[in-house]
Amino acid sequence: AVISVIIIAIIYNTLNVYQPLPIFQPNM
């Protein structure tokens, strides 16, 4: 259980990377 929690936390932090907002252009 402890190892699972650690693995889940690592995966979450890896996937939870900052994603900038799009810059909207007319053709979008």
mmCIF file of all heavy atoms, coordinates in Angstrom:
data_MODEL
# 
_entry.id   MODEL 
# 
loop_
_atom_site.group_PDB 
_atom_site.id 
_atom_site.type_symbol 
_atom_site.label_atom_id 
_atom_site.label_alt_id 
_atom_site.label_comp_id 
_atom_site.label_asym_id 
_atom_site.label_entity_id 
_atom_site.label_seq_id 
_atom_site.pdbx_PDB_ins_code 
_atom_site.Cartn_x 
_atom_site.Cartn_y 
_atom_site.Cartn_z 
_atom_site.occupancy 
_atom_site.B_iso_or_equiv 
_atom_site.pdbx_formal_charge 
_atom_site.auth_seq_id 
_atom_site.auth_comp_id 
_atom_site.auth_asym_id 
_atom_site.auth_atom_id 
_atom_site.pdbx_PDB_model_num 
ATOM 1   N N   . ALA A 1 1  ? 0.826   -1.205 0.000   1.00 0.00 ? 1  ALA A N   1 
ATOM 2   C CA  . ALA A 1 1  ? 0.000   0.000  0.000   1.00 0.00 ? 1  ALA A CA  1 
ATOM 3   C C   . ALA A 1 1  ? 0.859   1.253  0.000   1.00 0.00 ? 1  ALA A C   1 
ATOM 4   O O   . ALA A 1 1  ? 0.584   2.222  -0.727  1.00 0.00 ? 1  ALA A O   1 
ATOM 5   C CB  . ALA A 1 1  ? -0.935  -0.009 1.213   1.00 0.00 ? 1  ALA A CB  1 
ATOM 6   N N   . VAL A 1 2  ? 1.917   1.248  0.816   1.00 0.00 ? 2  VAL A N   1 
ATOM 7   C CA  . VAL A 1 2  ? 2.814   2.414  0.881   1.00 0.00 ? 2  VAL A CA  1 
ATOM 8   C C   . VAL A 1 2  ? 3.492   2.643  -0.464  1.00 0.00 ? 2  VAL A C   1 
ATOM 9   O O   . VAL A 1 2  ? 3.556   3.776  -0.965  1.00 0.00 ? 2  VAL A O   1 
ATOM 10  C CB  . VAL A 1 2  ? 3.861   2.227  1.999   1.00 0.00 ? 2  VAL A CB  1 
ATOM 11  C CG1 . VAL A 1 2  ? 4.934   3.322  1.910   1.00 0.00 ? 2  VAL A CG1 1 
ATOM 12  C CG2 . VAL A 1 2  ? 3.199   2.236  3.363   1.00 0.00 ? 2  VAL A CG2 1 
ATOM 13  N N   . ILE A 1 3  ? 3.999   1.550  -1.056  1.00 0.00 ? 3  ILE A N   1 
ATOM 14  C CA  . ILE A 1 3  ? 4.664   1.669  -2.355  1.00 0.00 ? 3  ILE A CA  1 
ATOM 15  C C   . ILE A 1 3  ? 3.687   2.161  -3.414  1.00 0.00 ? 3  ILE A C   1 
ATOM 16  O O   . ILE A 1 3  ? 4.022   2.992  -4.257  1.00 0.00 ? 3  ILE A O   1 
ATOM 17  C CB  . ILE A 1 3  ? 5.284   0.313  -2.766  1.00 0.00 ? 3  ILE A CB  1 
ATOM 18  C CG1 . ILE A 1 3  ? 6.437   -0.043 -1.823  1.00 0.00 ? 3  ILE A CG1 1 
ATOM 19  C CG2 . ILE A 1 3  ? 5.766   0.367  -4.211  1.00 0.00 ? 3  ILE A CG2 1 
ATOM 20  C CD1 . ILE A 1 3  ? 7.006   -1.425 -2.048  1.00 0.00 ? 3  ILE A CD1 1 
ATOM 21  N N   . SER A 1 4  ? 2.443   1.680  -3.361  1.00 0.00 ? 4  SER A N   1 
ATOM 22  C CA  . SER A 1 4  ? 1.421   2.092  -4.332  1.00 0.00 ? 4  SER A CA  1 
ATOM 23  C C   . SER A 1 4  ? 1.143   3.589  -4.226  1.00 0.00 ? 4  SER A C   1 
ATOM 24  O O   . SER A 1 4  ? 1.013   4.291  -5.237  1.00 0.00 ? 4  SER A O   1 
ATOM 25  C CB  . SER A 1 4  ? 0.123   1.308  -4.105  1.00 0.00 ? 4  SER A CB  1 
ATOM 26  O OG  . SER A 1 4  ? 0.325   -0.066 -4.337  1.00 0.00 ? 4  SER A OG  1 
ATOM 27  N N   . VAL A 1 5  ? 1.043   4.071  -2.977  1.00 0.00 ? 5  VAL A N   1 
ATOM 28  C CA  . VAL A 1 5  ? 0.796   5.507  -2.776  1.00 0.00 ? 5  VAL A CA  1 
ATOM 29  C C   . VAL A 1 5  ? 1.934   6.327  -3.354  1.00 0.00 ? 5  VAL A C   1 
ATOM 30  O O   . VAL A 1 5  ? 1.715   7.357  -4.012  1.00 0.00 ? 5  VAL A O   1 
ATOM 31  C CB  . VAL A 1 5  ? 0.601   5.815  -1.269  1.00 0.00 ? 5  VAL A CB  1 
ATOM 32  C CG1 . VAL A 1 5  ? 0.609   7.325  -1.021  1.00 0.00 ? 5  VAL A CG1 1 
ATOM 33  C CG2 . VAL A 1 5  ? -0.691  5.211  -0.768  1.00 0.00 ? 5  VAL A CG2 1 
ATOM 34  N N   . ILE A 1 6  ? 3.157   5.893  -3.129  1.00 0.00 ? 6  ILE A N   1 
ATOM 35  C CA  . ILE A 1 6  ? 4.330   6.611  -3.646  1.00 0.00 ? 6  ILE A CA  1 
ATOM 36  C C   . ILE A 1 6  ? 4.318   6.633  -5.168  1.00 0.00 ? 6  ILE A C   1 
ATOM 37  O O   . ILE A 1 6  ? 4.558   7.671  -5.799  1.00 0.00 ? 6  ILE A O   1 
ATOM 38  C CB  . ILE A 1 6  ? 5.633   5.971  -3.119  1.00 0.00 ? 6  ILE A CB  1 
ATOM 39  C CG1 . ILE A 1 6  ? 5.736   6.176  -1.598  1.00 0.00 ? 6  ILE A CG1 1 
ATOM 40  C CG2 . ILE A 1 6  ? 6.848   6.571  -3.827  1.00 0.00 ? 6  ILE A CG2 1 
ATOM 41  C CD1 . ILE A 1 6  ? 6.884   5.408  -0.962  1.00 0.00 ? 6  ILE A CD1 1 
ATOM 42  N N   . ILE A 1 7  ? 4.028   5.478  -5.774  1.00 0.00 ? 7  ILE A N   1 
ATOM 43  C CA  . ILE A 1 7  ? 3.997   5.387  -7.234  1.00 0.00 ? 7  ILE A CA  1 
ATOM 44  C C   . ILE A 1 7  ? 2.909   6.285  -7.810  1.00 0.00 ? 7  ILE A C   1 
ATOM 45  O O   . ILE A 1 7  ? 3.134   7.009  -8.790  1.00 0.00 ? 7  ILE A O   1 
ATOM 46  C CB  . ILE A 1 7  ? 3.793   3.922  -7.684  1.00 0.00 ? 7  ILE A CB  1 
ATOM 47  C CG1 . ILE A 1 7  ? 5.030   3.094  -7.348  1.00 0.00 ? 7  ILE A CG1 1 
ATOM 48  C CG2 . ILE A 1 7  ? 3.488   3.864  -9.188  1.00 0.00 ? 7  ILE A CG2 1 
ATOM 49  C CD1 . ILE A 1 7  ? 4.858   1.609  -7.594  1.00 0.00 ? 7  ILE A CD1 1 
ATOM 50  N N   . ILE A 1 8  ? 1.733   6.263  -7.194  1.00 0.00 ? 8  ILE A N   1 
ATOM 51  C CA  . ILE A 1 8  ? 0.626   7.102  -7.662  1.00 0.00 ? 8  ILE A CA  1 
ATOM 52  C C   . ILE A 1 8  ? 0.999   8.575  -7.564  1.00 0.00 ? 8  ILE A C   1 
ATOM 53  O O   . ILE A 1 8  ? 0.716   9.366  -8.470  1.00 0.00 ? 8  ILE A O   1 
ATOM 54  C CB  . ILE A 1 8  ? -0.656  6.801  -6.852  1.00 0.00 ? 8  ILE A CB  1 
ATOM 55  C CG1 . ILE A 1 8  ? -1.183  5.414  -7.219  1.00 0.00 ? 8  ILE A CG1 1 
ATOM 56  C CG2 . ILE A 1 8  ? -1.724  7.863  -7.129  1.00 0.00 ? 8  ILE A CG2 1 
ATOM 57  C CD1 . ILE A 1 8  ? -2.313  4.932  -6.314  1.00 0.00 ? 8  ILE A CD1 1 
ATOM 58  N N   . ALA A 1 9  ? 1.656   8.966  -6.465  1.00 0.00 ? 9  ALA A N   1 
ATOM 59  C CA  . ALA A 1 9  ? 2.066   10.363 -6.281  1.00 0.00 ? 9  ALA A CA  1 
ATOM 60  C C   . ALA A 1 9  ? 3.062   10.781 -7.354  1.00 0.00 ? 9  ALA A C   1 
ATOM 61  O O   . ALA A 1 9  ? 2.987   11.890 -7.899  1.00 0.00 ? 9  ALA A O   1 
ATOM 62  C CB  . ALA A 1 9  ? 2.672   10.547 -4.891  1.00 0.00 ? 9  ALA A CB  1 
ATOM 63  N N   . ILE A 1 10 ? 4.015   9.874  -7.665  1.00 0.00 ? 10 ILE A N   1 
ATOM 64  C CA  . ILE A 1 10 ? 5.012   10.178 -8.692  1.00 0.00 ? 10 ILE A CA  1 
ATOM 65  C C   . ILE A 1 10 ? 4.340   10.343 -10.053 1.00 0.00 ? 10 ILE A C   1 
ATOM 66  O O   . ILE A 1 10 ? 4.633   11.283 -10.801 1.00 0.00 ? 10 ILE A O   1 
ATOM 67  C CB  . ILE A 1 10 ? 6.089   9.069  -8.746  1.00 0.00 ? 10 ILE A CB  1 
ATOM 68  C CG1 . ILE A 1 10 ? 6.934   9.099  -7.462  1.00 0.00 ? 10 ILE A CG1 1 
ATOM 69  C CG2 . ILE A 1 10 ? 6.972   9.248  -9.986  1.00 0.00 ? 10 ILE A CG2 1 
ATOM 70  C CD1 . ILE A 1 10 ? 7.887   7.922  -7.338  1.00 0.00 ? 10 ILE A CD1 1 
ATOM 71  N N   . ILE A 1 11 ? 3.431   9.432  -10.373 1.00 0.00 ? 11 ILE A N   1 
ATOM 72  C CA  . ILE A 1 11 ? 2.723   9.508  -11.656 1.00 0.00 ? 11 ILE A CA  1 
ATOM 73  C C   . ILE A 1 11 ? 1.906   10.794 -11.736 1.00 0.00 ? 11 ILE A C   1 
ATOM 74  O O   . ILE A 1 11 ? 1.902   11.489 -12.753 1.00 0.00 ? 11 ILE A O   1 
ATOM 75  C CB  . ILE A 1 11 ? 1.812   8.274  -11.849 1.00 0.00 ? 11 ILE A CB  1 
ATOM 76  C CG1 . ILE A 1 11 ? 2.658   7.018  -12.024 1.00 0.00 ? 11 ILE A CG1 1 
ATOM 77  C CG2 . ILE A 1 11 ? 0.886   8.472  -13.056 1.00 0.00 ? 11 ILE A CG2 1 
ATOM 78  C CD1 . ILE A 1 11 ? 1.844   5.730  -12.048 1.00 0.00 ? 11 ILE A CD1 1 
ATOM 79  N N   . TYR A 1 12 ? 1.214   11.129 -10.644 1.00 0.00 ? 12 TYR A N   1 
ATOM 80  C CA  . TYR A 1 12 ? 0.387   12.340 -10.627 1.00 0.00 ? 12 TYR A CA  1 
ATOM 81  C C   . TYR A 1 12 ? 1.248   13.585 -10.861 1.00 0.00 ? 12 TYR A C   1 
ATOM 82  O O   . TYR A 1 12 ? 0.908   14.452 -11.667 1.00 0.00 ? 12 TYR A O   1 
ATOM 83  C CB  . TYR A 1 12 ? -0.347  12.459 -9.297  1.00 0.00 ? 12 TYR A CB  1 
ATOM 84  C CG  . TYR A 1 12 ? -1.127  13.748 -9.163  1.00 0.00 ? 12 TYR A CG  1 
ATOM 85  C CD1 . TYR A 1 12 ? -2.378  13.889 -9.760  1.00 0.00 ? 12 TYR A CD1 1 
ATOM 86  C CD2 . TYR A 1 12 ? -0.600  14.828 -8.444  1.00 0.00 ? 12 TYR A CD2 1 
ATOM 87  C CE1 . TYR A 1 12 ? -3.098  15.065 -9.652  1.00 0.00 ? 12 TYR A CE1 1 
ATOM 88  C CE2 . TYR A 1 12 ? -1.314  16.008 -8.334  1.00 0.00 ? 12 TYR A CE2 1 
ATOM 89  C CZ  . TYR A 1 12 ? -2.553  16.125 -8.934  1.00 0.00 ? 12 TYR A CZ  1 
ATOM 90  O OH  . TYR A 1 12 ? -3.242  17.283 -8.829  1.00 0.00 ? 12 TYR A OH  1 
ATOM 91  N N   . ASN A 1 13 ? 2.370   13.661 -10.151 1.00 0.00 ? 13 ASN A N   1 
ATOM 92  C CA  . ASN A 1 13 ? 3.243   14.832 -10.287 1.00 0.00 ? 13 ASN A CA  1 
ATOM 93  C C   . ASN A 1 13 ? 3.864   14.911 -11.673 1.00 0.00 ? 13 ASN A C   1 
ATOM 94  O O   . ASN A 1 13 ? 4.101   15.996 -12.206 1.00 0.00 ? 13 ASN A O   1 
ATOM 95  C CB  . ASN A 1 13 ? 4.341   14.804 -9.225  1.00 0.00 ? 13 ASN A CB  1 
ATOM 96  C CG  . ASN A 1 13 ? 3.802   15.099 -7.841  1.00 0.00 ? 13 ASN A CG  1 
ATOM 97  O OD1 . ASN A 1 13 ? 2.847   15.856 -7.701  1.00 0.00 ? 13 ASN A OD1 1 
ATOM 98  N ND2 . ASN A 1 13 ? 4.392   14.497 -6.809  1.00 0.00 ? 13 ASN A ND2 1 
ATOM 99  N N   . THR A 1 14 ? 4.108   13.744 -12.271 1.00 0.00 ? 14 THR A N   1 
ATOM 100 C CA  . THR A 1 14 ? 4.672   13.729 -13.618 1.00 0.00 ? 14 THR A CA  1 
ATOM 101 C C   . THR A 1 14 ? 3.663   14.209 -14.642 1.00 0.00 ? 14 THR A C   1 
ATOM 102 O O   . THR A 1 14 ? 3.976   14.987 -15.551 1.00 0.00 ? 14 THR A O   1 
ATOM 103 C CB  . THR A 1 14 ? 5.133   12.298 -13.986 1.00 0.00 ? 14 THR A CB  1 
ATOM 104 O OG1 . THR A 1 14 ? 6.105   11.866 -13.046 1.00 0.00 ? 14 THR A OG1 1 
ATOM 105 C CG2 . THR A 1 14 ? 5.734   12.275 -15.392 1.00 0.00 ? 14 THR A CG2 1 
ATOM 106 N N   . LEU A 1 15 ? 2.407   13.769 -14.483 1.00 0.00 ? 15 LEU A N   1 
ATOM 107 C CA  . LEU A 1 15 ? 1.368   14.141 -15.439 1.00 0.00 ? 15 LEU A CA  1 
ATOM 108 C C   . LEU A 1 15 ? 0.837   15.551 -15.193 1.00 0.00 ? 15 LEU A C   1 
ATOM 109 O O   . LEU A 1 15 ? 0.329   16.196 -16.115 1.00 0.00 ? 15 LEU A O   1 
ATOM 110 C CB  . LEU A 1 15 ? 0.211   13.145 -15.355 1.00 0.00 ? 15 LEU A CB  1 
ATOM 111 C CG  . LEU A 1 15 ? 0.531   11.712 -15.788 1.00 0.00 ? 15 LEU A CG  1 
ATOM 112 C CD1 . LEU A 1 15 ? -0.702  10.831 -15.593 1.00 0.00 ? 15 LEU A CD1 1 
ATOM 113 C CD2 . LEU A 1 15 ? 0.994   11.664 -17.240 1.00 0.00 ? 15 LEU A CD2 1 
ATOM 114 N N   . ASN A 1 16 ? 0.954   16.018 -13.945 1.00 0.00 ? 16 ASN A N   1 
ATOM 115 C CA  . ASN A 1 16 ? 0.403   17.318 -13.596 1.00 0.00 ? 16 ASN A CA  1 
ATOM 116 C C   . ASN A 1 16 ? 1.379   18.440 -13.939 1.00 0.00 ? 16 ASN A C   1 
ATOM 117 O O   . ASN A 1 16 ? 1.712   19.299 -13.127 1.00 0.00 ? 16 ASN A O   1 
ATOM 118 C CB  . ASN A 1 16 ? 0.057   17.350 -12.098 1.00 0.00 ? 16 ASN A CB  1 
ATOM 119 C CG  . ASN A 1 16 ? -0.827  18.529 -11.747 1.00 0.00 ? 16 ASN A CG  1 
ATOM 120 O OD1 . ASN A 1 16 ? -1.613  18.975 -12.566 1.00 0.00 ? 16 ASN A OD1 1 
ATOM 121 N ND2 . ASN A 1 16 ? -0.675  19.021 -10.525 1.00 0.00 ? 16 ASN A ND2 1 
ATOM 122 N N   . VAL A 1 17 ? 1.848   18.430 -15.172 1.00 0.00 ? 17 VAL A N   1 
ATOM 123 C CA  . VAL A 1 17 ? 2.805   19.421 -15.660 1.00 0.00 ? 17 VAL A CA  1 
ATOM 124 C C   . VAL A 1 17 ? 2.030   20.671 -16.077 1.00 0.00 ? 17 VAL A C   1 
ATOM 125 O O   . VAL A 1 17 ? 0.934   20.588 -16.624 1.00 0.00 ? 17 VAL A O   1 
ATOM 126 C CB  . VAL A 1 17 ? 3.602   18.858 -16.859 1.00 0.00 ? 17 VAL A CB  1 
ATOM 127 C CG1 . VAL A 1 17 ? 4.549   19.913 -17.407 1.00 0.00 ? 17 VAL A CG1 1 
ATOM 128 C CG2 . VAL A 1 17 ? 4.378   17.633 -16.428 1.00 0.00 ? 17 VAL A CG2 1 
ATOM 129 N N   . TYR A 1 18 ? 2.625   21.813 -15.807 1.00 0.00 ? 18 TYR A N   1 
ATOM 130 C CA  . TYR A 1 18 ? 1.994   23.079 -16.183 1.00 0.00 ? 18 TYR A CA  1 
ATOM 131 C C   . TYR A 1 18 ? 1.710   23.117 -17.682 1.00 0.00 ? 18 TYR A C   1 
ATOM 132 O O   . TYR A 1 18 ? 2.588   22.875 -18.500 1.00 0.00 ? 18 TYR A O   1 
ATOM 133 C CB  . TYR A 1 18 ? 2.920   24.238 -15.792 1.00 0.00 ? 18 TYR A CB  1 
ATOM 134 C CG  . TYR A 1 18 ? 2.540   25.547 -16.435 1.00 0.00 ? 18 TYR A CG  1 
ATOM 135 C CD1 . TYR A 1 18 ? 1.399   26.241 -16.038 1.00 0.00 ? 18 TYR A CD1 1 
ATOM 136 C CD2 . TYR A 1 18 ? 3.310   26.091 -17.457 1.00 0.00 ? 18 TYR A CD2 1 
ATOM 137 C CE1 . TYR A 1 18 ? 1.049   27.441 -16.626 1.00 0.00 ? 18 TYR A CE1 1 
ATOM 138 C CE2 . TYR A 1 18 ? 2.967   27.292 -18.050 1.00 0.00 ? 18 TYR A CE2 1 
ATOM 139 C CZ  . TYR A 1 18 ? 1.836   27.963 -17.621 1.00 0.00 ? 18 TYR A CZ  1 
ATOM 140 O OH  . TYR A 1 18 ? 1.485   29.148 -18.219 1.00 0.00 ? 18 TYR A OH  1 
ATOM 141 N N   . GLN A 1 19 ? 0.477   23.406 -18.027 1.00 0.00 ? 19 GLN A N   1 
ATOM 142 C CA  . GLN A 1 19 ? 0.063   23.524 -19.418 1.00 0.00 ? 19 GLN A CA  1 
ATOM 143 C C   . GLN A 1 19 ? -0.387  24.956 -19.678 1.00 0.00 ? 19 GLN A C   1 
ATOM 144 O O   . GLN A 1 19 ? -1.378  25.410 -19.096 1.00 0.00 ? 19 GLN A O   1 
ATOM 145 C CB  . GLN A 1 19 ? -1.094  22.557 -19.720 1.00 0.00 ? 19 GLN A CB  1 
ATOM 146 C CG  . GLN A 1 19 ? -0.723  21.095 -19.652 1.00 0.00 ? 19 GLN A CG  1 
ATOM 147 C CD  . GLN A 1 19 ? 0.192   20.676 -20.794 1.00 0.00 ? 19 GLN A CD  1 
ATOM 148 O OE1 . GLN A 1 19 ? 0.147   21.252 -21.872 1.00 0.00 ? 19 GLN A OE1 1 
ATOM 149 N NE2 . GLN A 1 19 ? 1.006   19.676 -20.554 1.00 0.00 ? 19 GLN A NE2 1 
ATOM 150 N N   . PRO A 1 20 ? 0.326   25.714 -20.512 1.00 0.00 ? 20 PRO A N   1 
ATOM 151 C CA  . PRO A 1 20 ? -0.082  27.101 -20.774 1.00 0.00 ? 20 PRO A CA  1 
ATOM 152 C C   . PRO A 1 20 ? -1.410  27.159 -21.522 1.00 0.00 ? 20 PRO A C   1 
ATOM 153 O O   . PRO A 1 20 ? -1.789  26.218 -22.228 1.00 0.00 ? 20 PRO A O   1 
ATOM 154 C CB  . PRO A 1 20 ? 1.062   27.650 -21.640 1.00 0.00 ? 20 PRO A CB  1 
ATOM 155 C CG  . PRO A 1 20 ? 1.663   26.432 -22.280 1.00 0.00 ? 20 PRO A CG  1 
ATOM 156 C CD  . PRO A 1 20 ? 1.521   25.326 -21.271 1.00 0.00 ? 20 PRO A CD  1 
ATOM 157 N N   . LEU A 1 21 ? -2.100  28.257 -21.360 1.00 0.00 ? 21 LEU A N   1 
ATOM 158 C CA  . LEU A 1 21 ? -3.353  28.452 -22.092 1.00 0.00 ? 21 LEU A CA  1 
ATOM 159 C C   . LEU A 1 21 ? -3.057  28.647 -23.574 1.00 0.00 ? 21 LEU A C   1 
ATOM 160 O O   . LEU A 1 21 ? -2.007  29.171 -23.945 1.00 0.00 ? 21 LEU A O   1 
ATOM 161 C CB  . LEU A 1 21 ? -4.073  29.695 -21.554 1.00 0.00 ? 21 LEU A CB  1 
ATOM 162 C CG  . LEU A 1 21 ? -4.486  29.677 -20.088 1.00 0.00 ? 21 LEU A CG  1 
ATOM 163 C CD1 . LEU A 1 21 ? -5.127  31.010 -19.722 1.00 0.00 ? 21 LEU A CD1 1 
ATOM 164 C CD2 . LEU A 1 21 ? -5.436  28.527 -19.789 1.00 0.00 ? 21 LEU A CD2 1 
ATOM 165 N N   . PRO A 1 22 ? -3.982  28.251 -24.441 1.00 0.00 ? 22 PRO A N   1 
ATOM 166 C CA  . PRO A 1 22 ? -3.775  28.480 -25.882 1.00 0.00 ? 22 PRO A CA  1 
ATOM 167 C C   . PRO A 1 22 ? -3.793  29.969 -26.202 1.00 0.00 ? 22 PRO A C   1 
ATOM 168 O O   . PRO A 1 22 ? -4.365  30.769 -25.454 1.00 0.00 ? 22 PRO A O   1 
ATOM 169 C CB  . PRO A 1 22 ? -4.973  27.762 -26.522 1.00 0.00 ? 22 PRO A CB  1 
ATOM 170 C CG  . PRO A 1 22 ? -6.012  27.726 -25.449 1.00 0.00 ? 22 PRO A CG  1 
ATOM 171 C CD  . PRO A 1 22 ? -5.271  27.592 -24.155 1.00 0.00 ? 22 PRO A CD  1 
ATOM 172 N N   . ILE A 1 23 ? -3.167  30.317 -27.300 1.00 0.00 ? 23 ILE A N   1 
ATOM 173 C CA  . ILE A 1 23 ? -3.242  31.677 -27.846 1.00 0.00 ? 23 ILE A CA  1 
ATOM 174 C C   . ILE A 1 23 ? -4.169  31.595 -29.045 1.00 0.00 ? 23 ILE A C   1 
ATOM 175 O O   . ILE A 1 23 ? -3.834  30.993 -30.060 1.00 0.00 ? 23 ILE A O   1 
ATOM 176 C CB  . ILE A 1 23 ? -1.861  32.205 -28.265 1.00 0.00 ? 23 ILE A CB  1 
ATOM 177 C CG1 . ILE A 1 23 ? -0.928  32.248 -27.046 1.00 0.00 ? 23 ILE A CG1 1 
ATOM 178 C CG2 . ILE A 1 23 ? -1.985  33.588 -28.896 1.00 0.00 ? 23 ILE A CG2 1 
ATOM 179 C CD1 . ILE A 1 23 ? 0.513   32.590 -27.401 1.00 0.00 ? 23 ILE A CD1 1 
ATOM 180 N N   . PHE A 1 24 ? -5.347  32.166 -28.917 1.00 0.00 ? 24 PHE A N   1 
ATOM 181 C CA  . PHE A 1 24 ? -6.359  32.008 -29.952 1.00 0.00 ? 24 PHE A CA  1 
ATOM 182 C C   . PHE A 1 24 ? -6.080  32.906 -31.152 1.00 0.00 ? 24 PHE A C   1 
ATOM 183 O O   . PHE A 1 24 ? -5.883  34.118 -31.009 1.00 0.00 ? 24 PHE A O   1 
ATOM 184 C CB  . PHE A 1 24 ? -7.754  32.297 -29.396 1.00 0.00 ? 24 PHE A CB  1 
ATOM 185 C CG  . PHE A 1 24 ? -8.276  31.206 -28.513 1.00 0.00 ? 24 PHE A CG  1 
ATOM 186 C CD1 . PHE A 1 24 ? -8.092  31.260 -27.136 1.00 0.00 ? 24 PHE A CD1 1 
ATOM 187 C CD2 . PHE A 1 24 ? -8.927  30.110 -29.056 1.00 0.00 ? 24 PHE A CD2 1 
ATOM 188 C CE1 . PHE A 1 24 ? -8.560  30.244 -26.317 1.00 0.00 ? 24 PHE A CE1 1 
ATOM 189 C CE2 . PHE A 1 24 ? -9.402  29.093 -28.241 1.00 0.00 ? 24 PHE A CE2 1 
ATOM 190 C CZ  . PHE A 1 24 ? -9.215  29.161 -26.872 1.00 0.00 ? 24 PHE A CZ  1 
ATOM 191 N N   . GLN A 1 25 ? -6.081  32.279 -32.322 1.00 0.00 ? 25 GLN A N   1 
ATOM 192 C CA  . GLN A 1 25 ? -5.937  32.985 -33.596 1.00 0.00 ? 25 GLN A CA  1 
ATOM 193 C C   . GLN A 1 25 ? -7.255  32.844 -34.362 1.00 0.00 ? 25 GLN A C   1 
ATOM 194 O O   . GLN A 1 25 ? -8.012  31.887 -34.143 1.00 0.00 ? 25 GLN A O   1 
ATOM 195 C CB  . GLN A 1 25 ? -4.792  32.384 -34.410 1.00 0.00 ? 25 GLN A CB  1 
ATOM 196 C CG  . GLN A 1 25 ? -3.446  32.361 -33.696 1.00 0.00 ? 25 GLN A CG  1 
ATOM 197 C CD  . GLN A 1 25 ? -2.904  33.744 -33.402 1.00 0.00 ? 25 GLN A CD  1 
ATOM 198 O OE1 . GLN A 1 25 ? -3.266  34.725 -34.052 1.00 0.00 ? 25 GLN A OE1 1 
ATOM 199 N NE2 . GLN A 1 25 ? -2.010  33.829 -32.424 1.00 0.00 ? 25 GLN A NE2 1 
ATOM 200 N N   . PRO A 1 26 ? -7.546  33.770 -35.257 1.00 0.00 ? 26 PRO A N   1 
ATOM 201 C CA  . PRO A 1 26 ? -8.815  33.704 -36.000 1.00 0.00 ? 26 PRO A CA  1 
ATOM 202 C C   . PRO A 1 26 ? -9.072  32.368 -36.681 1.00 0.00 ? 26 PRO A C   1 
ATOM 203 O O   . PRO A 1 26 ? -10.204 31.891 -36.719 1.00 0.00 ? 26 PRO A O   1 
ATOM 204 C CB  . PRO A 1 26 ? -8.679  34.846 -37.006 1.00 0.00 ? 26 PRO A CB  1 
ATOM 205 C CG  . PRO A 1 26 ? -7.818  35.841 -36.306 1.00 0.00 ? 26 PRO A CG  1 
ATOM 206 C CD  . PRO A 1 26 ? -6.806  35.015 -35.545 1.00 0.00 ? 26 PRO A CD  1 
ATOM 207 N N   . ASN A 1 27 ? -8.018  31.736 -37.219 1.00 0.00 ? 27 ASN A N   1 
ATOM 208 C CA  . ASN A 1 27 ? -8.230  30.489 -37.948 1.00 0.00 ? 27 ASN A CA  1 
ATOM 209 C C   . ASN A 1 27 ? -8.536  29.303 -37.023 1.00 0.00 ? 27 ASN A C   1 
ATOM 210 O O   . ASN A 1 27 ? -8.916  28.233 -37.485 1.00 0.00 ? 27 ASN A O   1 
ATOM 211 C CB  . ASN A 1 27 ? -7.006  30.168 -38.818 1.00 0.00 ? 27 ASN A CB  1 
ATOM 212 C CG  . ASN A 1 27 ? -5.835  29.638 -38.015 1.00 0.00 ? 27 ASN A CG  1 
ATOM 213 O OD1 . ASN A 1 27 ? -5.487  30.189 -36.963 1.00 0.00 ? 27 ASN A OD1 1 
ATOM 214 N ND2 . ASN A 1 27 ? -5.207  28.581 -38.489 1.00 0.00 ? 27 ASN A ND2 1 
ATOM 215 N N   . MET A 1 28 ? -8.394  29.506 -35.705 1.00 0.00 ? 28 MET A N   1 
ATOM 216 C CA  . MET A 1 28 ? -8.684  28.445 -34.743 1.00 0.00 ? 28 MET A CA  1 
ATOM 217 C C   . MET A 1 28 ? -10.151 28.441 -34.327 1.00 0.00 ? 28 MET A C   1 
ATOM 218 O O   . MET A 1 28 ? -10.607 27.532 -33.631 1.00 0.00 ? 28 MET A O   1 
ATOM 219 C CB  . MET A 1 28 ? -7.812  28.620 -33.492 1.00 0.00 ? 28 MET A CB  1 
ATOM 220 C CG  . MET A 1 28 ? -6.326  28.502 -33.747 1.00 0.00 ? 28 MET A CG  1 
ATOM 221 S SD  . MET A 1 28 ? -5.340  29.075 -32.327 1.00 0.00 ? 28 MET A SD  1 
ATOM 222 C CE  . MET A 1 28 ? -5.898  27.989 -31.025 1.00 0.00 ? 28 MET A CE  1 
# 
